[in-house]
């Protein structure tokens, strides 16, 4: 066993185990979704950077969310596309651990950014007169930097616990990327501590932040109902509903996967749920913010008008 523990230098991702014709169809479909993800989030970044009217804390946070969504998709989707074309194509041990680390980092960062964005909406609606003082650029930058650092550090804890584990076979990861629970199941040692840390991490970055977002939106809803102006109420609902849709899509799927009953069970249902989480969420986020947000739509119209004039 001691000699075999060092023999695993690569893993084989099982993916979806479907008929080759269906896999080719999925390759084309997922490639299209991946392109939409990059273009949609890139468009959000471009609009925010080029339109000075969107140089506000809310859109500053949204731009970072778009960067995370691009990175999130780039970490998992290309490997999944390669797997659909070449199911027997292995991934190196180092590459697998890197993918796990990056996935956890971006997932943690997105969790924290969504909390920051909900706090921004809470201050904007519940304390509008003090908004510019509370949400100064110094505070905004500090919140974003803290989200990135904490996200990476939390992922680093899981990586440091994963690296010492011996892997002596089998080499087949029952997933379409190196998801941490699927990788832990291949270890030839007791992974009880790792699984506890995954659950504890999920509770700390999912359940806690989600609860704080729900509480903040209860206060926001009460404040919106007190707004006398119909136009002001509609504008508040517009910006908050976009954020709520993104929060719901991200947190609900993540909580079901990692905090729900038998979170470590590699059932096909949870594999497809994680597919939605890692592929469709980053694609839907820019659509939600562009279609439901009047300021973004107006900025897009101004950009198109400038292009026509030039």
Protein backbone atom coordinates (compact mmCIF):
# COMPACT_ATOMS: atom_id res chain seq x y z
CA UNK A 1 0.00 0.00 0.00
CA UNK A 2 2.87 2.37 0.77
CA UNK A 3 4.24 1.99 -2.77
CA UNK A 4 0.80 2.31 -4.38
CA UNK A 5 -0.05 5.53 -2.53
CA UNK A 6 2.35 7.51 -4.73
CA UNK A 7 1.25 5.88 -8.00
CA UNK A 8 -1.73 8.17 -8.74
CA UNK A 9 -0.45 11.09 -10.80
CA UNK A 10 -3.62 11.82 -12.77
CA UNK A 11 -7.38 11.45 -12.52
CA UNK A 12 -10.08 10.56 -15.02
CA UNK A 13 -13.25 12.66 -14.89
CA UNK A 14 -16.30 10.47 -15.55
CA UNK A 15 -18.46 13.40 -16.60
CA UNK A 16 -22.01 12.48 -17.55
CA UNK A 17 -21.53 8.95 -19.04
CA UNK A 18 -23.99 9.52 -21.90
CA UNK A 19 -24.31 8.33 -25.47
CA UNK A 20 -21.52 9.84 -27.68
CA UNK A 21 -24.09 11.61 -29.90
CA UNK A 22 -25.72 13.22 -26.87
CA UNK A 23 -22.29 14.25 -25.59
CA UNK A 24 -21.55 15.97 -28.92
CA UNK A 25 -24.89 17.78 -28.69
CA UNK A 26 -24.07 18.86 -25.14
CA UNK A 27 -20.63 20.02 -26.28
CA UNK A 28 -22.22 22.40 -28.79
CA UNK A 29 -24.86 23.57 -26.32
CA UNK A 30 -22.44 24.13 -23.43
CA UNK A 31 -19.96 25.87 -25.75
CA UNK A 32 -22.75 28.28 -26.66
CA UNK A 33 -23.64 28.86 -23.01
CA UNK A 34 -19.96 29.39 -22.17
CA UNK A 35 -19.67 31.98 -24.94
CA UNK A 36 -22.80 33.76 -23.66
CA UNK A 37 -21.30 33.76 -20.14
CA UNK A 38 -18.08 35.43 -21.29
CA UNK A 39 -19.86 37.91 -23.57
CA UNK A 40 -22.60 38.76 -21.07
CA UNK A 41 -20.29 39.38 -18.13
CA UNK A 42 -17.79 41.12 -20.41
CA UNK A 43 -20.58 43.41 -21.60
CA UNK A 44 -21.53 44.23 -18.01
CA UNK A 45 -17.89 45.09 -17.26
CA UNK A 46 -17.63 47.23 -20.40
CA UNK A 47 -20.85 49.15 -19.73
CA UNK A 48 -19.91 49.86 -16.11
CA UNK A 49 -16.38 51.00 -16.97
CA UNK A 50 -17.42 53.20 -19.93
CA UNK A 51 -20.54 54.86 -18.48
CA UNK A 52 -19.65 57.37 -15.76
CA UNK A 53 -23.23 57.29 -14.43
CA UNK A 54 -22.62 53.72 -13.30
CA UNK A 55 -19.49 54.61 -11.32
CA UNK A 56 -21.29 53.99 -8.03
CA UNK A 57 -20.72 51.46 -5.22
CA UNK A 58 -23.53 49.20 -6.43
CA UNK A 59 -22.04 48.81 -9.91
CA UNK A 60 -18.51 48.63 -8.53
CA UNK A 61 -19.58 45.50 -6.64
CA UNK A 62 -21.45 44.23 -9.70
CA UNK A 63 -18.30 44.56 -11.83
CA UNK A 64 -16.40 42.37 -9.37
CA UNK A 65 -19.25 39.85 -9.42
CA UNK A 66 -18.91 39.75 -13.23
CA UNK A 67 -15.15 39.12 -12.94
CA UNK A 68 -15.78 36.27 -10.49
CA UNK A 69 -18.45 34.76 -12.76
CA UNK A 70 -16.04 34.80 -15.72
CA UNK A 71 -13.29 33.19 -13.64
CA UNK A 72 -15.77 30.71 -12.15
CA UNK A 73 -16.87 29.54 -15.59
CA UNK A 74 -13.32 29.51 -17.04
CA UNK A 75 -12.18 27.21 -14.23
CA UNK A 76 -14.70 24.40 -14.81
CA UNK A 77 -16.33 24.67 -18.25
CA UNK A 78 -13.26 24.22 -20.55
CA UNK A 79 -12.33 20.96 -18.80
CA UNK A 80 -15.94 19.81 -19.07
CA UNK A 81 -15.95 20.57 -22.82
CA UNK A 82 -12.69 18.62 -23.28
CA UNK A 83 -14.28 15.74 -21.39
CA UNK A 84 -17.31 15.71 -23.67
CA UNK A 85 -15.05 15.44 -26.73
CA UNK A 86 -12.46 13.10 -25.21
CA UNK A 87 -13.94 11.16 -22.27
CA UNK A 88 -10.65 9.29 -21.76
CA UNK A 89 -8.57 12.48 -21.46
CA UNK A 90 -7.09 12.51 -17.91
CA UNK A 91 -6.34 15.52 -15.74
CA UNK A 92 -3.08 15.69 -13.78
CA UNK A 93 -3.07 15.44 -9.99
CA UNK A 94 -1.73 19.01 -9.69
CA UNK A 95 -4.26 20.26 -12.24
CA UNK A 96 -7.09 18.59 -10.34
CA UNK A 97 -6.09 20.16 -7.01
CA UNK A 98 -5.67 23.55 -8.69
CA UNK A 99 -9.16 23.30 -10.17
CA UNK A 100 -10.59 22.37 -6.75
CA UNK A 101 -8.82 25.30 -5.10
CA UNK A 102 -9.94 27.82 -7.72
CA UNK A 103 -13.52 26.56 -7.68
CA UNK A 104 -13.71 26.95 -3.89
CA UNK A 105 -12.01 30.36 -4.02
CA UNK A 106 -14.41 31.84 -6.57
CA UNK A 107 -17.43 30.25 -4.88
CA UNK A 108 -16.45 31.76 -1.52
CA UNK A 109 -15.72 35.15 -3.07
CA UNK A 110 -19.12 35.21 -4.81
CA UNK A 111 -20.86 34.34 -1.53
CA UNK A 112 -19.14 37.23 0.23
CA UNK A 113 -19.70 39.69 -2.62
CA UNK A 114 -23.44 38.94 -2.60
CA UNK A 115 -23.49 39.74 1.13
CA UNK A 116 -21.65 43.00 0.47
CA UNK A 117 -24.12 43.90 -2.30
CA UNK A 118 -27.08 43.24 0.00
CA UNK A 119 -25.50 45.50 2.65
CA UNK A 120 -25.07 48.18 -0.02
CA UNK A 121 -28.79 47.95 -0.92
CA UNK A 122 -29.73 48.02 2.78
CA UNK A 123 -27.79 51.24 3.37
CA UNK A 124 -29.07 52.82 0.12
CA UNK A 125 -32.74 52.20 0.93
CA UNK A 126 -32.88 52.24 4.73
CA UNK A 127 -30.33 55.07 5.28
CA UNK A 128 -30.35 57.09 2.02
CA UNK A 129 -29.20 60.37 3.62
CA UNK A 130 -26.10 58.72 5.09
CA UNK A 131 -25.37 56.49 2.08
CA UNK A 132 -22.47 58.50 0.64
CA UNK A 133 -20.83 58.67 4.07
CA UNK A 134 -21.27 55.00 5.01
CA UNK A 135 -20.50 53.60 1.54
CA UNK A 136 -17.46 55.73 0.77
CA UNK A 137 -15.03 54.49 -1.89
CA UNK A 138 -12.56 53.59 0.83
CA UNK A 139 -15.16 51.36 2.50
CA UNK A 140 -16.22 49.82 -0.83
CA UNK A 141 -12.66 48.93 -1.81
CA UNK A 142 -12.01 47.51 1.67
CA UNK A 143 -15.13 45.32 1.46
CA UNK A 144 -14.16 43.97 -1.97
CA UNK A 145 -10.52 43.31 -1.03
CA UNK A 146 -11.67 41.57 2.17
CA UNK A 147 -14.06 39.38 0.16
CA UNK A 148 -11.28 38.30 -2.22
CA UNK A 149 -8.75 37.64 0.57
CA UNK A 150 -11.19 35.72 2.78
CA UNK A 151 -12.43 33.67 -0.19
CA UNK A 152 -8.91 32.60 -1.12
CA UNK A 153 -7.90 31.89 2.49
CA UNK A 154 -10.97 29.70 3.12
CA UNK A 155 -10.21 27.71 -0.04
CA UNK A 156 -6.57 27.44 1.01
CA UNK A 157 -7.60 25.71 4.25
CA UNK A 158 -9.38 22.97 2.26
CA UNK A 159 -6.41 22.66 -0.10
CA UNK A 160 -3.90 22.27 2.74
CA UNK A 161 -6.06 19.52 4.24
CA UNK A 162 -6.41 17.81 0.85
CA UNK A 163 -2.75 17.78 -0.27
CA UNK A 164 -1.39 15.39 2.44
CA UNK A 165 -4.04 12.72 1.70
CA UNK A 166 -2.75 9.58 -0.05
CA UNK A 167 -4.42 8.62 -3.35
CA UNK A 168 -3.75 5.01 -4.32
CA UNK A 169 -6.68 4.34 -6.64
CA UNK A 170 -9.20 4.25 -8.14
CA UNK A 171 -8.47 7.24 -10.36
CA UNK A 172 -12.02 7.93 -11.57
CA UNK A 173 -13.65 11.13 -10.27
CA UNK A 174 -17.43 10.79 -10.44
CA UNK A 175 -17.95 14.35 -11.65
CA UNK A 176 -17.40 16.66 -14.62
CA UNK A 177 -14.66 18.54 -12.75
CA UNK A 178 -12.55 18.06 -9.60
CA UNK A 179 -15.27 18.82 -7.08
CA UNK A 180 -13.89 18.48 -3.55
CA UNK A 181 -16.32 15.84 -2.23
CA UNK A 182 -15.85 13.68 -5.34
CA UNK A 183 -12.04 13.93 -4.98
CA UNK A 184 -12.13 13.12 -1.25
CA UNK A 185 -13.92 9.85 -2.01
CA UNK A 186 -10.79 8.63 -3.84
CA UNK A 187 -8.45 9.14 -0.89
CA UNK A 188 -6.96 6.03 0.75
CA UNK A 189 -7.21 7.50 4.24
CA UNK A 190 -9.78 8.74 6.72
CA UNK A 191 -11.32 11.94 5.30
CA UNK A 192 -13.62 12.58 8.26
CA UNK A 193 -11.86 15.84 9.20
CA UNK A 194 -11.94 17.05 5.59
CA UNK A 195 -15.68 16.36 5.32
CA UNK A 196 -16.36 18.15 8.61
CA UNK A 197 -14.38 21.16 7.36
CA UNK A 198 -16.33 21.17 4.07
CA UNK A 199 -19.62 21.15 5.97
CA UNK A 200 -18.38 23.78 8.47
CA UNK A 201 -17.12 25.96 5.61
CA UNK A 202 -20.43 25.59 3.77
CA UNK A 203 -22.38 26.61 6.86
CA UNK A 204 -20.10 29.61 7.49
CA UNK A 205 -20.15 30.98 3.92
CA UNK A 206 -23.64 29.86 2.89
CA UNK A 207 -26.10 29.57 5.77
CA UNK A 208 -24.76 32.49 7.83
CA UNK A 209 -24.47 34.99 4.95
CA UNK A 210 -27.78 33.86 3.43
CA UNK A 211 -29.53 34.42 6.77
CA UNK A 212 -28.03 37.93 7.01
CA UNK A 213 -29.19 38.69 3.45
CA UNK A 214 -32.74 37.55 4.27
CA UNK A 215 -32.80 39.71 7.42
CA UNK A 216 -31.45 42.74 5.54
CA UNK A 217 -34.12 42.33 2.85
CA UNK A 218 -36.86 42.19 5.46
CA UNK A 219 -35.72 45.67 6.59
CA UNK A 220 -35.40 46.76 2.95
CA UNK A 221 -38.95 45.59 2.14
CA UNK A 222 -40.34 47.48 5.13
CA UNK A 223 -38.46 50.62 4.01
CA UNK A 224 -39.69 50.28 0.40
CA UNK A 225 -43.32 49.98 1.50
CA UNK A 226 -42.93 53.28 3.36
CA UNK A 227 -41.79 55.14 0.21
CA UNK A 228 -44.58 57.50 -0.86
CA UNK A 229 -43.47 57.99 -4.47
CA UNK A 230 -44.59 55.25 -6.85
CA UNK A 231 -41.57 55.89 -9.08
CA UNK A 232 -39.16 55.68 -6.16
CA UNK A 233 -40.76 52.46 -4.96
CA UNK A 234 -40.53 50.94 -8.45
CA UNK A 235 -36.85 51.90 -8.80
CA UNK A 236 -36.04 50.36 -5.39
CA UNK A 237 -37.89 47.16 -6.27
CA UNK A 238 -36.09 47.00 -9.63
CA UNK A 239 -32.57 47.09 -8.20
CA UNK A 240 -33.38 44.82 -5.25
CA UNK A 241 -35.28 42.20 -7.27
CA UNK A 242 -32.26 41.72 -9.56
CA UNK A 243 -30.01 41.08 -6.60
CA UNK A 244 -32.57 38.79 -4.96
CA UNK A 245 -32.82 36.65 -8.11
CA UNK A 246 -29.04 36.21 -8.20
CA UNK A 247 -28.91 35.44 -4.46
CA UNK A 248 -31.69 32.87 -4.79
CA UNK A 249 -30.07 31.09 -7.74
CA UNK A 250 -26.64 30.96 -6.11
CA UNK A 251 -27.39 30.24 -2.47
CA UNK A 252 -30.30 27.82 -2.81
CA UNK A 253 -28.43 25.47 -5.18
CA UNK A 254 -25.23 25.68 -3.10
CA UNK A 255 -27.05 25.01 0.20
CA UNK A 256 -28.84 21.99 -1.27
CA UNK A 257 -25.53 20.57 -2.50
CA UNK A 258 -23.32 21.12 0.56
CA UNK A 259 -25.56 21.62 3.58
CA UNK A 260 -28.57 19.46 2.70
CA UNK A 261 -29.01 15.86 3.83
CA UNK A 262 -26.25 13.46 2.73
CA UNK A 263 -24.29 16.34 1.17
CA UNK A 264 -21.43 14.02 0.25
CA UNK A 265 -23.49 11.58 -1.82
CA UNK A 266 -22.37 11.77 -5.47
CA UNK A 267 -25.85 11.25 -6.90
CA UNK A 268 -26.54 12.25 -10.48
CA UNK A 269 -29.09 14.81 -9.28
CA UNK A 270 -26.47 16.77 -7.35
CA UNK A 271 -24.04 16.51 -10.24
CA UNK A 272 -26.60 18.18 -12.53
CA UNK A 273 -27.42 20.71 -9.82
CA UNK A 274 -23.75 21.67 -9.65
CA UNK A 275 -23.74 21.92 -13.45
CA UNK A 276 -26.52 24.50 -13.15
CA UNK A 277 -24.59 26.23 -10.37
CA UNK A 278 -21.28 26.47 -12.26
CA UNK A 279 -22.50 26.92 -15.86
CA UNK A 280 -25.93 28.54 -15.86
CA UNK A 281 -25.58 30.86 -12.85
CA UNK A 282 -22.67 32.86 -14.35
CA UNK A 283 -24.58 33.06 -17.64
CA UNK A 284 -27.87 34.16 -16.06
CA UNK A 285 -26.41 36.82 -13.75
CA UNK A 286 -25.67 39.42 -16.49
CA UNK A 287 -29.06 38.69 -18.10
CA UNK A 288 -30.84 39.30 -14.79
CA UNK A 289 -28.98 42.55 -14.13
CA UNK A 290 -29.37 43.86 -17.69
CA UNK A 291 -33.02 42.90 -18.22
CA UNK A 292 -34.34 43.87 -14.78
CA UNK A 293 -32.19 46.95 -14.16
CA UNK A 294 -33.29 50.20 -15.82
CA UNK A 295 -29.95 51.97 -15.28
CA UNK A 296 -28.03 49.18 -17.04
CA UNK A 297 -30.53 49.12 -19.91
CA UNK A 298 -30.29 52.91 -20.28
CA UNK A 299 -26.48 52.69 -20.27
CA UNK A 300 -26.61 50.03 -23.00
CA UNK A 301 -28.91 52.25 -25.08
CA UNK A 302 -26.53 55.21 -24.71
CA UNK A 303 -23.61 53.03 -25.81
CA UNK A 304 -25.52 51.83 -28.89
CA UNK A 305 -26.53 55.39 -29.78
CA UNK A 306 -22.90 56.55 -29.56
CA UNK A 307 -21.87 53.69 -31.86
CA UNK A 308 -24.50 54.69 -34.43
CA UNK A 309 -23.44 58.33 -34.35
CA UNK A 310 -19.76 57.47 -34.72
